[in-house]
Amino acid sequence: MTPKSVAIELENIEEIRRQEGIDDVELRVEIRALKVGDLVRLTFLTGTTSFETLLVRITSVRGSAFRGKLAKRPSSAALRKMGPDAQVAFTTAHIHSLVKRLEVQE
């Protein structure tokens, strides 16, 4: 059985930072060092005014293009159809923040 494809929209947090005049050099450096297995936070848009920020474990890195799987099941009804191991394609522009290894207590 193949995973069901669900159309999702991710927040372009890089553009929002740019509009607000935020230049986070440290975050850009950390993003360039990301590798398979690392966790990042992405903001999934679930409507015009609603969103959910979720942890995604990176499964593939190709330059500024990433693939990953949800680390936990979404809580919003709009995203639940994605499933707990849904695959997500994203770029550096979508990375809200990184999860430090010390933060992960699984």
PDB file of N, CA and C in Angstrom:
ATOM      1  N   MET A   1       0.853  -1.178   0.000  1.00  0.00           N
ATOM      2  CA  MET A   1       0.000   0.000   0.000  1.00  0.00           C
ATOM      3  C   MET A   1       0.900   1.244   0.000  1.00  0.00           C
ATOM      4  N   THR A   2       0.646   2.161  -0.879  1.00  0.00           N
ATOM      5  CA  THR A   2       1.439   3.382  -0.933  1.00  0.00           C
ATOM      6  C   THR A   2       0.785   4.460  -0.081  1.00  0.00           C
ATOM      7  N   PRO A   3       1.616   5.359   0.489  1.00  0.00           N
ATOM      8  CA  PRO A   3       1.052   6.427   1.315  1.00  0.00           C
ATOM      9  C   PRO A   3       0.146   7.335   0.495  1.00  0.00           C
ATOM     10  N   LYS A   4      -0.943   7.767   1.103  1.00  0.00           N
ATOM     11  CA  LYS A   4      -1.884   8.662   0.434  1.00  0.00           C
ATOM     12  C   LYS A   4      -1.255  10.049   0.305  1.00  0.00           C
ATOM     13  N   SER A   5      -1.394  10.646  -0.863  1.00  0.00           N
ATOM     14  CA  SER A   5      -0.857  11.978  -1.101  1.00  0.00           C
ATOM     15  C   SER A   5      -1.893  13.018  -0.682  1.00  0.00           C
ATOM     16  N   VAL A   6      -1.467  13.933   0.165  1.00  0.00           N
ATOM     17  CA  VAL A   6      -2.350  14.986   0.653  1.00  0.00           C
ATOM     18  C   VAL A   6      -1.702  16.323   0.320  1.00  0.00           C
ATOM     19  N   ALA A   7      -2.444  17.209  -0.331  1.00  0.00           N
ATOM     20  CA  ALA A   7      -1.914  18.530  -0.658  1.00  0.00           C
ATOM     21  C   ALA A   7      -1.844  19.367   0.617  1.00  0.00           C
ATOM     22  N   ILE A   8      -0.671  19.906   0.884  1.00  0.00           N
ATOM     23  CA  ILE A   8      -0.483  20.748   2.065  1.00  0.00           C
ATOM     24  C   ILE A   8       0.234  22.023   1.651  1.00  0.00           C
ATOM     25  N   GLU A   9       0.087  23.037   2.468  1.00  0.00           N
ATOM     26  CA  GLU A   9       0.804  24.282   2.229  1.00  0.00           C
ATOM     27  C   GLU A   9       1.646  24.578   3.456  1.00  0.00           C
ATOM     28  N   LEU A  10       2.911  24.878   3.211  1.00  0.00           N
ATOM     29  CA  LEU A  10       3.827  25.217   4.292  1.00  0.00           C
ATOM     30  C   LEU A  10       4.069  26.716   4.305  1.00  0.00           C
ATOM     31  N   GLU A  11       4.213  27.265   5.492  1.00  0.00           N
ATOM     32  CA  GLU A  11       4.500  28.688   5.635  1.00  0.00           C
ATOM     33  C   GLU A  11       5.928  28.968   5.175  1.00  0.00           C
ATOM     34  N   ASN A  12       6.098  30.005   4.363  1.00  0.00           N
ATOM     35  CA  ASN A  12       7.425  30.434   3.932  1.00  0.00           C
ATOM     36  C   ASN A  12       7.966  31.377   5.007  1.00  0.00           C
ATOM     37  N   ILE A  13       8.532  30.800   6.045  1.00  0.00           N
ATOM     38  CA  ILE A  13       9.001  31.572   7.191  1.00  0.00           C
ATOM     39  C   ILE A  13      10.183  32.470   6.818  1.00  0.00           C
ATOM     40  N   GLU A  14      10.967  32.057   5.833  1.00  0.00           N
ATOM     41  CA  GLU A  14      12.092  32.882   5.392  1.00  0.00           C
ATOM     42  C   GLU A  14      11.594  34.222   4.844  1.00  0.00           C
ATOM     43  N   GLU A  15      10.524  34.191   4.058  1.00  0.00           N
ATOM     44  CA  GLU A  15       9.945  35.420   3.502  1.00  0.00           C
ATOM     45  C   GLU A  15       9.378  36.301   4.610  1.00  0.00           C
ATOM     46  N   ILE A  16       8.739  35.697   5.586  1.00  0.00           N
ATOM     47  CA  ILE A  16       8.193  36.469   6.713  1.00  0.00           C
ATOM     48  C   ILE A  16       9.320  37.144   7.483  1.00  0.00           C
ATOM     49  N   ARG A  17      10.404  36.419   7.724  1.00  0.00           N
ATOM     50  CA  ARG A  17      11.560  37.018   8.417  1.00  0.00           C
ATOM     51  C   ARG A  17      12.101  38.207   7.615  1.00  0.00           C
ATOM     52  N   ARG A  18      12.209  38.017   6.302  1.00  0.00           N
ATOM     53  CA  ARG A  18      12.726  39.081   5.433  1.00  0.00           C
ATOM     54  C   ARG A  18      11.833  40.320   5.514  1.00  0.00           C
ATOM     55  N   GLN A  19      10.508  40.121   5.466  1.00  0.00           N
ATOM     56  CA  GLN A  19       9.567  41.243   5.543  1.00  0.00           C
ATOM     57  C   GLN A  19       9.668  41.980   6.876  1.00  0.00           C
ATOM     58  N   GLU A  20       9.994  41.251   7.936  1.00  0.00           N
ATOM     59  CA  GLU A  20      10.116  41.850   9.270  1.00  0.00           C
ATOM     60  C   GLU A  20      11.512  42.405   9.541  1.00  0.00           C
ATOM     61  N   GLY A  21      12.413  42.271   8.568  1.00  0.00           N
ATOM     62  CA  GLY A  21      13.770  42.775   8.736  1.00  0.00           C
ATOM     63  C   GLY A  21      14.648  41.900   9.615  1.00  0.00           C
ATOM     64  N   ILE A  22      14.288  40.627   9.745  1.00  0.00           N
ATOM     65  CA  ILE A  22      15.054  39.696  10.575  1.00  0.00           C
ATOM     66  C   ILE A  22      16.049  38.952   9.691  1.00  0.00           C
ATOM     67  N   ASP A  23      17.335  39.042  10.048  1.00  0.00           N
ATOM     68  CA  ASP A  23      18.390  38.342   9.324  1.00  0.00           C
ATOM     69  C   ASP A  23      19.073  37.401  10.312  1.00  0.00           C
ATOM     70  N   ASP A  24      18.600  36.159  10.377  1.00  0.00           N
ATOM     71  CA  ASP A  24      19.100  35.186  11.345  1.00  0.00           C
ATOM     72  C   ASP A  24      20.240  34.377  10.728  1.00  0.00           C
ATOM     73  N   VAL A  25      21.441  34.937  10.795  1.00  0.00           N
ATOM     74  CA  VAL A  25      22.622  34.310  10.209  1.00  0.00           C
ATOM     75  C   VAL A  25      22.906  32.967  10.881  1.00  0.00           C
ATOM     76  N   GLU A  26      22.784  32.916  12.201  1.00  0.00           N
ATOM     77  CA  GLU A  26      23.063  31.682  12.946  1.00  0.00           C
ATOM     78  C   GLU A  26      22.141  30.543  12.494  1.00  0.00           C
ATOM     79  N   LEU A  27      20.863  30.842  12.300  1.00  0.00           N
ATOM     80  CA  LEU A  27      19.921  29.818  11.850  1.00  0.00           C
ATOM     81  C   LEU A  27      20.293  29.317  10.460  1.00  0.00           C
ATOM     82  N   ARG A  28      20.665  30.220   9.560  1.00  0.00           N
ATOM     83  CA  ARG A  28      21.053  29.801   8.206  1.00  0.00           C
ATOM     84  C   ARG A  28      22.254  28.863   8.244  1.00  0.00           C
ATOM     85  N   VAL A  29      23.221  29.163   9.108  1.00  0.00           N
ATOM     86  CA  VAL A  29      24.403  28.303   9.248  1.00  0.00           C
ATOM     87  C   VAL A  29      23.985  26.928   9.770  1.00  0.00           C
ATOM     88  N   GLU A  30      23.110  26.906  10.775  1.00  0.00           N
ATOM     89  CA  GLU A  30      22.641  25.636  11.336  1.00  0.00           C
ATOM     90  C   GLU A  30      21.845  24.836  10.306  1.00  0.00           C
ATOM     91  N   ILE A  31      21.046  25.510   9.499  1.00  0.00           N
ATOM     92  CA  ILE A  31      20.261  24.826   8.466  1.00  0.00           C
ATOM     93  C   ILE A  31      21.183  24.169   7.447  1.00  0.00           C
ATOM     94  N   ARG A  32      22.268  24.839   7.075  1.00  0.00           N
ATOM     95  CA  ARG A  32      23.213  24.262   6.107  1.00  0.00           C
ATOM     96  C   ARG A  32      23.866  22.987   6.637  1.00  0.00           C
ATOM     97  N   ALA A  33      23.913  22.833   7.959  1.00  0.00           N
ATOM     98  CA  ALA A  33      24.548  21.657   8.568  1.00  0.00           C
ATOM     99  C   ALA A  33      23.561  20.513   8.829  1.00  0.00           C
ATOM    100  N   LEU A  34      22.289  20.681   8.461  1.00  0.00           N
ATOM    101  CA  LEU A  34      21.293  19.637   8.716  1.00  0.00           C
ATOM    102  C   LEU A  34      21.622  18.365   7.945  1.00  0.00           C
ATOM    103  N   LYS A  35      21.280  17.233   8.565  1.00  0.00           N
ATOM    104  CA  LYS A  35      21.509  15.948   7.914  1.00  0.00           C
ATOM    105  C   LYS A  35      20.340  15.009   8.204  1.00  0.00           C
ATOM    106  N   VAL A  36      20.331  13.887   7.521  1.00  0.00           N
ATOM    107  CA  VAL A  36      19.280  12.887   7.708  1.00  0.00           C
ATOM    108  C   VAL A  36      19.213  12.506   9.186  1.00  0.00           C
ATOM    109  N   GLY A  37      17.995  12.463   9.710  1.00  0.00           N
ATOM    110  CA  GLY A  37      17.776  12.114  11.113  1.00  0.00           C
ATOM    111  C   GLY A  37      17.518  13.316  12.002  1.00  0.00           C
ATOM    112  N   ASP A  38      17.930  14.508  11.560  1.00  0.00           N
ATOM    113  CA  ASP A  38      17.700  15.719  12.354  1.00  0.00           C
ATOM    114  C   ASP A  38      16.219  16.079  12.348  1.00  0.00           C
ATOM    115  N   LEU A  39      15.799  16.803  13.385  1.00  0.00           N
ATOM    116  CA  LEU A  39      14.415  17.260  13.508  1.00  0.00           C
ATOM    117  C   LEU A  39      14.325  18.761  13.287  1.00  0.00           C
ATOM    118  N   VAL A  40      13.306  19.176  12.538  1.00  0.00           N
ATOM    119  CA  VAL A  40      13.035  20.598  12.320  1.00  0.00           C
ATOM    120  C   VAL A  40      11.553  20.849  12.586  1.00  0.00           C
ATOM    121  N   ARG A  41      11.225  22.117  12.808  1.00  0.00           N
ATOM    122  CA  ARG A  41       9.824  22.511  12.960  1.00  0.00           C
ATOM    123  C   ARG A  41       9.386  23.204  11.671  1.00  0.00           C
ATOM    124  N   LEU A  42       8.240  22.760  11.147  1.00  0.00           N
ATOM    125  CA  LEU A  42       7.634  23.371   9.969  1.00  0.00           C
ATOM    126  C   LEU A  42       6.232  23.812  10.349  1.00  0.00           C
ATOM    127  N   THR A  43       5.797  24.941   9.782  1.00  0.00           N
ATOM    128  CA  THR A  43       4.444  25.418  10.052  1.00  0.00           C
ATOM    129  C   THR A  43       3.556  25.077   8.862  1.00  0.00           C
ATOM    130  N   PHE A  44       2.550  24.239   9.122  1.00  0.00           N
ATOM    131  CA  PHE A  44       1.593  23.795   8.122  1.00  0.00           C
ATOM    132  C   PHE A  44       0.385  24.714   8.186  1.00  0.00           C
ATOM    133  N   LEU A  45       0.005  25.288   7.052  1.00  0.00           N
ATOM    134  CA  LEU A  45      -1.159  26.171   6.996  1.00  0.00           C
ATOM    135  C   LEU A  45      -2.399  25.309   6.813  1.00  0.00           C
ATOM    136  N   THR A  46      -3.377  25.512   7.681  1.00  0.00           N
ATOM    137  CA  THR A  46      -4.591  24.691   7.637  1.00  0.00           C
ATOM    138  C   THR A  46      -5.817  25.498   7.243  1.00  0.00           C
ATOM    139  N   GLY A  47      -5.624  26.742   6.925  1.00  0.00           N
ATOM    140  CA  GLY A  47      -6.714  27.627   6.519  1.00  0.00           C
ATOM    141  C   GLY A  47      -6.145  29.022   6.372  1.00  0.00           C
ATOM    142  N   THR A  48      -7.001  29.994   6.141  1.00  0.00           N
ATOM    143  CA  THR A  48      -6.508  31.359   5.934  1.00  0.00           C
ATOM    144  C   THR A  48      -5.931  31.962   7.207  1.00  0.00           C
ATOM    145  N   THR A  49      -6.417  31.521   8.365  1.00  0.00           N
ATOM    146  CA  THR A  49      -5.917  32.082   9.627  1.00  0.00           C
ATOM    147  C   THR A  49      -5.488  31.012  10.623  1.00  0.00           C
ATOM    148  N   SER A  50      -5.453  29.763  10.207  1.00  0.00           N
ATOM    149  CA  SER A  50      -5.073  28.712  11.148  1.00  0.00           C
ATOM    150  C   SER A  50      -3.841  27.961  10.645  1.00  0.00           C
ATOM    151  N   PHE A  51      -3.098  27.425  11.600  1.00  0.00           N
ATOM    152  CA  PHE A  51      -1.855  26.740  11.276  1.00  0.00           C
ATOM    153  C   PHE A  51      -1.500  25.792  12.414  1.00  0.00           C
ATOM    154  N   GLU A  52      -0.534  24.912  12.132  1.00  0.00           N
ATOM    155  CA  GLU A  52      -0.003  24.029  13.164  1.00  0.00           C
ATOM    156  C   GLU A  52       1.477  23.834  12.883  1.00  0.00           C
ATOM    157  N   THR A  53       2.299  24.009  13.901  1.00  0.00           N
ATOM    158  CA  THR A  53       3.734  23.792  13.775  1.00  0.00           C
ATOM    159  C   THR A  53       4.038  22.376  14.247  1.00  0.00           C
ATOM    160  N   LEU A  54       4.690  21.600  13.369  1.00  0.00           N
ATOM    161  CA  LEU A  54       4.943  20.187  13.639  1.00  0.00           C
ATOM    162  C   LEU A  54       6.419  19.847  13.505  1.00  0.00           C
ATOM    163  N   LEU A  55       6.824  18.813  14.236  1.00  0.00           N
ATOM    164  CA  LEU A  55       8.182  18.293  14.110  1.00  0.00           C
ATOM    165  C   LEU A  55       8.255  17.361  12.910  1.00  0.00           C
ATOM    166  N   VAL A  56       9.319  17.519  12.133  1.00  0.00           N
ATOM    167  CA  VAL A  56       9.549  16.671  10.970  1.00  0.00           C
ATOM    168  C   VAL A  56      10.975  16.133  11.065  1.00  0.00           C
ATOM    169  N   ARG A  57      11.117  14.810  10.923  1.00  0.00           N
ATOM    170  CA  ARG A  57      12.438  14.175  10.924  1.00  0.00           C
ATOM    171  C   ARG A  57      12.925  14.092   9.478  1.00  0.00           C
ATOM    172  N   ILE A  58      14.090  14.643   9.205  1.00  0.00           N
ATOM    173  CA  ILE A  58      14.638  14.690   7.847  1.00  0.00           C
ATOM    174  C   ILE A  58      15.027  13.287   7.380  1.00  0.00           C
ATOM    175  N   THR A  59      14.570  12.926   6.169  1.00  0.00           N
ATOM    176  CA  THR A  59      14.904  11.628   5.579  1.00  0.00           C
ATOM    177  C   THR A  59      15.786  11.762   4.336  1.00  0.00           C
ATOM    178  N   SER A  60      15.873  12.974   3.782  1.00  0.00           N
ATOM    179  CA  SER A  60      16.673  13.196   2.577  1.00  0.00           C
ATOM    180  C   SER A  60      17.054  14.671   2.490  1.00  0.00           C
ATOM    181  N   VAL A  61      18.303  14.927   2.085  1.00  0.00           N
ATOM    182  CA  VAL A  61      18.786  16.298   1.891  1.00  0.00           C
ATOM    183  C   VAL A  61      19.444  16.367   0.521  1.00  0.00           C
ATOM    184  N   ARG A  62      18.987  17.312  -0.306  1.00  0.00           N
ATOM    185  CA  ARG A  62      19.596  17.562  -1.616  1.00  0.00           C
ATOM    186  C   ARG A  62      19.695  19.070  -1.794  1.00  0.00           C
ATOM    187  N   GLY A  63      20.838  19.626  -1.397  1.00  0.00           N
ATOM    188  CA  GLY A  63      21.010  21.074  -1.460  1.00  0.00           C
ATOM    189  C   GLY A  63      20.052  21.753  -0.505  1.00  0.00           C
ATOM    190  N   SER A  64      19.188  22.630  -1.044  1.00  0.00           N
ATOM    191  CA  SER A  64      18.218  23.324  -0.187  1.00  0.00           C
ATOM    192  C   SER A  64      16.864  22.613  -0.164  1.00  0.00           C
ATOM    193  N   ALA A  65      16.788  21.436  -0.807  1.00  0.00           N
ATOM    194  CA  ALA A  65      15.549  20.652  -0.833  1.00  0.00           C
ATOM    195  C   ALA A  65      15.643  19.496   0.159  1.00  0.00           C
ATOM    196  N   PHE A  66      14.586  19.337   0.943  1.00  0.00           N
ATOM    197  CA  PHE A  66      14.549  18.302   1.972  1.00  0.00           C
ATOM    198  C   PHE A  66      13.301  17.454   1.808  1.00  0.00           C
ATOM    199  N   ARG A  67      13.378  16.262   2.349  1.00  0.00           N
ATOM    200  CA  ARG A  67      12.207  15.407   2.537  1.00  0.00           C
ATOM    201  C   ARG A  67      12.265  14.941   3.974  1.00  0.00           C
ATOM    202  N   GLY A  68      11.076  14.722   4.534  1.00  0.00           N
ATOM    203  CA  GLY A  68      11.034  14.254   5.906  1.00  0.00           C
ATOM    204  C   GLY A  68       9.719  13.581   6.212  1.00  0.00           C
ATOM    205  N   LYS A  69       9.639  13.035   7.430  1.00  0.00           N
ATOM    206  CA  LYS A  69       8.410  12.394   7.909  1.00  0.00           C
ATOM    207  C   LYS A  69       7.977  13.077   9.189  1.00  0.00           C
ATOM    208  N   LEU A  70       6.678  13.179   9.370  1.00  0.00           N
ATOM    209  CA  LEU A  70       6.158  13.746  10.611  1.00  0.00           C
ATOM    210  C   LEU A  70       6.659  12.916  11.781  1.00  0.00           C
ATOM    211  N   ALA A  71       7.106  13.589  12.838  1.00  0.00           N
ATOM    212  CA  ALA A  71       7.587  12.894  14.026  1.00  0.00           C
ATOM    213  C   ALA A  71       6.435  12.526  14.951  1.00  0.00           C
ATOM    214  N   LYS A  72       5.339  13.266  14.856  1.00  0.00           N
ATOM    215  CA  LYS A  72       4.150  13.010  15.679  1.00  0.00           C
ATOM    216  C   LYS A  72       2.906  13.269  14.843  1.00  0.00           C
ATOM    217  N   ARG A  73       1.822  12.694  15.278  1.00  0.00           N
ATOM    218  CA  ARG A  73       0.542  12.876  14.584  1.00  0.00           C
ATOM    219  C   ARG A  73       0.042  14.313  14.790  1.00  0.00           C
ATOM    220  N   PRO A  74      -0.438  14.961  13.720  1.00  0.00           N
ATOM    221  CA  PRO A  74      -0.988  16.314  13.852  1.00  0.00           C
ATOM    222  C   PRO A  74      -2.217  16.325  14.754  1.00  0.00           C
ATOM    223  N   SER A  75      -2.445  17.441  15.432  1.00  0.00           N
ATOM    224  CA  SER A  75      -3.626  17.537  16.292  1.00  0.00           C
ATOM    225  C   SER A  75      -4.808  18.190  15.577  1.00  0.00           C
ATOM    226  N   SER A  76      -4.539  19.020  14.562  1.00  0.00           N
ATOM    227  CA  SER A  76      -5.643  19.689  13.870  1.00  0.00           C
ATOM    228  C   SER A  76      -6.365  18.716  12.939  1.00  0.00           C
ATOM    229  N   ALA A  77      -7.678  18.841  12.886  1.00  0.00           N
ATOM    230  CA  ALA A  77      -8.498  17.969  12.040  1.00  0.00           C
ATOM    231  C   ALA A  77      -8.087  18.083  10.576  1.00  0.00           C
ATOM    232  N   ALA A  78      -7.705  19.273  10.152  1.00  0.00           N
ATOM    233  CA  ALA A  78      -7.344  19.500   8.753  1.00  0.00           C
ATOM    234  C   ALA A  78      -6.090  18.725   8.346  1.00  0.00           C
ATOM    235  N   LEU A  79      -5.207  18.440   9.299  1.00  0.00           N
ATOM    236  CA  LEU A  79      -3.957  17.748   8.980  1.00  0.00           C
ATOM    237  C   LEU A  79      -3.960  16.273   9.363  1.00  0.00           C
ATOM    238  N   ARG A  80      -4.928  15.831  10.141  1.00  0.00           N
ATOM    239  CA  ARG A  80      -4.945  14.435  10.607  1.00  0.00           C
ATOM    240  C   ARG A  80      -4.952  13.420   9.474  1.00  0.00           C
ATOM    241  N   LYS A  81      -5.523  13.798   8.346  1.00  0.00           N
ATOM    242  CA  LYS A  81      -5.572  12.866   7.214  1.00  0.00           C
ATOM    243  C   LYS A  81      -4.181  12.558   6.658  1.00  0.00           C
ATOM    244  N   MET A  82      -3.180  13.338   7.078  1.00  0.00           N
ATOM    245  CA  MET A  82      -1.812  13.089   6.633  1.00  0.00           C
ATOM    246  C   MET A  82      -1.262  11.791   7.212  1.00  0.00           C
ATOM    247  N   GLY A  83      -1.694  11.413   8.387  1.00  0.00           N
ATOM    248  CA  GLY A  83      -1.172  10.206   9.014  1.00  0.00           C
ATOM    249  C   GLY A  83       0.093  10.496   9.794  1.00  0.00           C
ATOM    250  N   PRO A  84       0.444   9.621  10.734  1.00  0.00           N
ATOM    251  CA  PRO A  84       1.569   9.872  11.626  1.00  0.00           C
ATOM    252  C   PRO A  84       2.937   9.829  10.950  1.00  0.00           C
ATOM    253  N   ASP A  85       3.079   9.087   9.852  1.00  0.00           N
ATOM    254  CA  ASP A  85       4.369   8.986   9.167  1.00  0.00           C
ATOM    255  C   ASP A  85       4.346   9.651   7.799  1.00  0.00           C
ATOM    256  N   ALA A  86       3.487  10.632   7.620  1.00  0.00           N
ATOM    257  CA  ALA A  86       3.351  11.295   6.319  1.00  0.00           C
ATOM    258  C   ALA A  86       4.683  11.885   5.871  1.00  0.00           C
ATOM    259  N   GLN A  87       4.965  11.759   4.581  1.00  0.00           N
ATOM    260  CA  GLN A  87       6.175  12.333   4.019  1.00  0.00           C
ATOM    261  C   GLN A  87       5.902  13.760   3.582  1.00  0.00           C
ATOM    262  N   VAL A  88       6.895  14.616   3.797  1.00  0.00           N
ATOM    263  CA  VAL A  88       6.760  16.039   3.507  1.00  0.00           C
ATOM    264  C   VAL A  88       7.981  16.493   2.713  1.00  0.00           C
ATOM    265  N   ALA A  89       7.748  17.233   1.627  1.00  0.00           N
ATOM    266  CA  ALA A  89       8.829  17.854   0.861  1.00  0.00           C
ATOM    267  C   ALA A  89       8.855  19.331   1.234  1.00  0.00           C
ATOM    268  N   PHE A  90      10.060  19.857   1.507  1.00  0.00           N
ATOM    269  CA  PHE A  90      10.178  21.255   1.909  1.00  0.00           C
ATOM    270  C   PHE A  90      11.562  21.783   1.557  1.00  0.00           C
ATOM    271  N   THR A  91      11.730  23.092   1.684  1.00  0.00           N
ATOM    272  CA  THR A  91      13.020  23.723   1.407  1.00  0.00           C
ATOM    273  C   THR A  91      13.485  24.483   2.647  1.00  0.00           C
ATOM    274  N   THR A  92      14.664  25.058   2.553  1.00  0.00           N
ATOM    275  CA  THR A  92      15.197  25.840   3.670  1.00  0.00           C
ATOM    276  C   THR A  92      14.267  26.993   4.027  1.00  0.00           C
ATOM    277  N   ALA A  93      13.515  27.511   3.059  1.00  0.00           N
ATOM    278  CA  ALA A  93      12.604  28.641   3.299  1.00  0.00           C
ATOM    279  C   ALA A  93      11.464  28.282   4.241  1.00  0.00           C
ATOM    280  N   HIS A  94      11.178  26.992   4.399  1.00  0.00           N
ATOM    281  CA  HIS A  94      10.060  26.547   5.231  1.00  0.00           C
ATOM    282  C   HIS A  94      10.468  26.198   6.662  1.00  0.00           C
ATOM    283  N   ILE A  95      11.762  26.143   6.944  1.00  0.00           N
ATOM    284  CA  ILE A  95      12.215  25.691   8.264  1.00  0.00           C
ATOM    285  C   ILE A  95      12.023  26.796   9.287  1.00  0.00           C
ATOM    286  N   HIS A  96      11.109  26.550  10.205  1.00  0.00           N
ATOM    287  CA  HIS A  96      10.761  27.488  11.280  1.00  0.00           C
ATOM    288  C   HIS A  96      11.889  27.532  12.301  1.00  0.00           C
ATOM    289  N   SER A  97      12.332  26.368  12.740  1.00  0.00           N
ATOM    290  CA  SER A  97      13.421  26.265  13.714  1.00  0.00           C
ATOM    291  C   SER A  97      13.934  24.838  13.728  1.00  0.00           C
ATOM    292  N   LEU A  98      15.081  24.662  14.388  1.00  0.00           N
ATOM    293  CA  LEU A  98      15.682  23.342  14.519  1.00  0.00           C
ATOM    294  C   LEU A  98      15.484  22.841  15.933  1.00  0.00           C
ATOM    295  N   VAL A  99      15.463  21.541  16.070  1.00  0.00           N
ATOM    296  CA  VAL A  99      15.365  20.942  17.396  1.00  0.00           C
ATOM    297  C   VAL A  99      16.755  20.464  17.769  1.00  0.00           C
ATOM    298  N   LYS A 100      17.281  21.018  18.828  1.00  0.00           N
ATOM    299  CA  LYS A 100      18.604  20.614  19.304  1.00  0.00           C
ATOM    300  C   LYS A 100      18.513  19.192  19.837  1.00  0.00           C
ATOM    301  N   ARG A 101      19.558  18.441  19.686  1.00  0.00           N
ATOM    302  CA  ARG A 101      19.564  17.044  20.142  1.00  0.00           C
ATOM    303  C   ARG A 101      19.208  16.932  21.621  1.00  0.00           C
ATOM    304  N   LEU A 102      19.603  17.902  22.430  1.00  0.00           N
ATOM    305  CA  LEU A 102      19.310  17.861  23.860  1.00  0.00           C
ATOM    306  C   LEU A 102      17.826  18.055  24.148  1.00  0.00           C
ATOM    307  N   GLU A 103      17.094  18.699  23.217  1.00  0.00           N
ATOM    308  CA  GLU A 103      15.661  18.943  23.394  1.00  0.00           C
ATOM    309  C   GLU A 103      14.839  17.676  23.193  1.00  0.00           C
ATOM    310  N   VAL A 104      15.384  16.722  22.459  1.00  0.00           N
ATOM    311  CA  VAL A 104      14.643  15.520  22.104  1.00  0.00           C
ATOM    312  C   VAL A 104      14.802  14.494  23.220  1.00  0.00           C
ATOM    313  N   GLN A 105      13.709  14.222  23.891  1.00  0.00           N
ATOM    314  CA  GLN A 105      13.700  13.236  24.974  1.00  0.00           C
ATOM    315  C   GLN A 105      12.724  12.132  24.615  1.00  0.00           C
ATOM    316  N   GLU A 106      13.068  11.317  23.627  1.00  0.00           N
ATOM    317  CA  GLU A 106      12.139  10.275  23.165  1.00  0.00           C
ATOM    318  C   GLU A 106      12.416   8.969  23.848  1.00  0.00           C
TER     319      GLU A 106
END
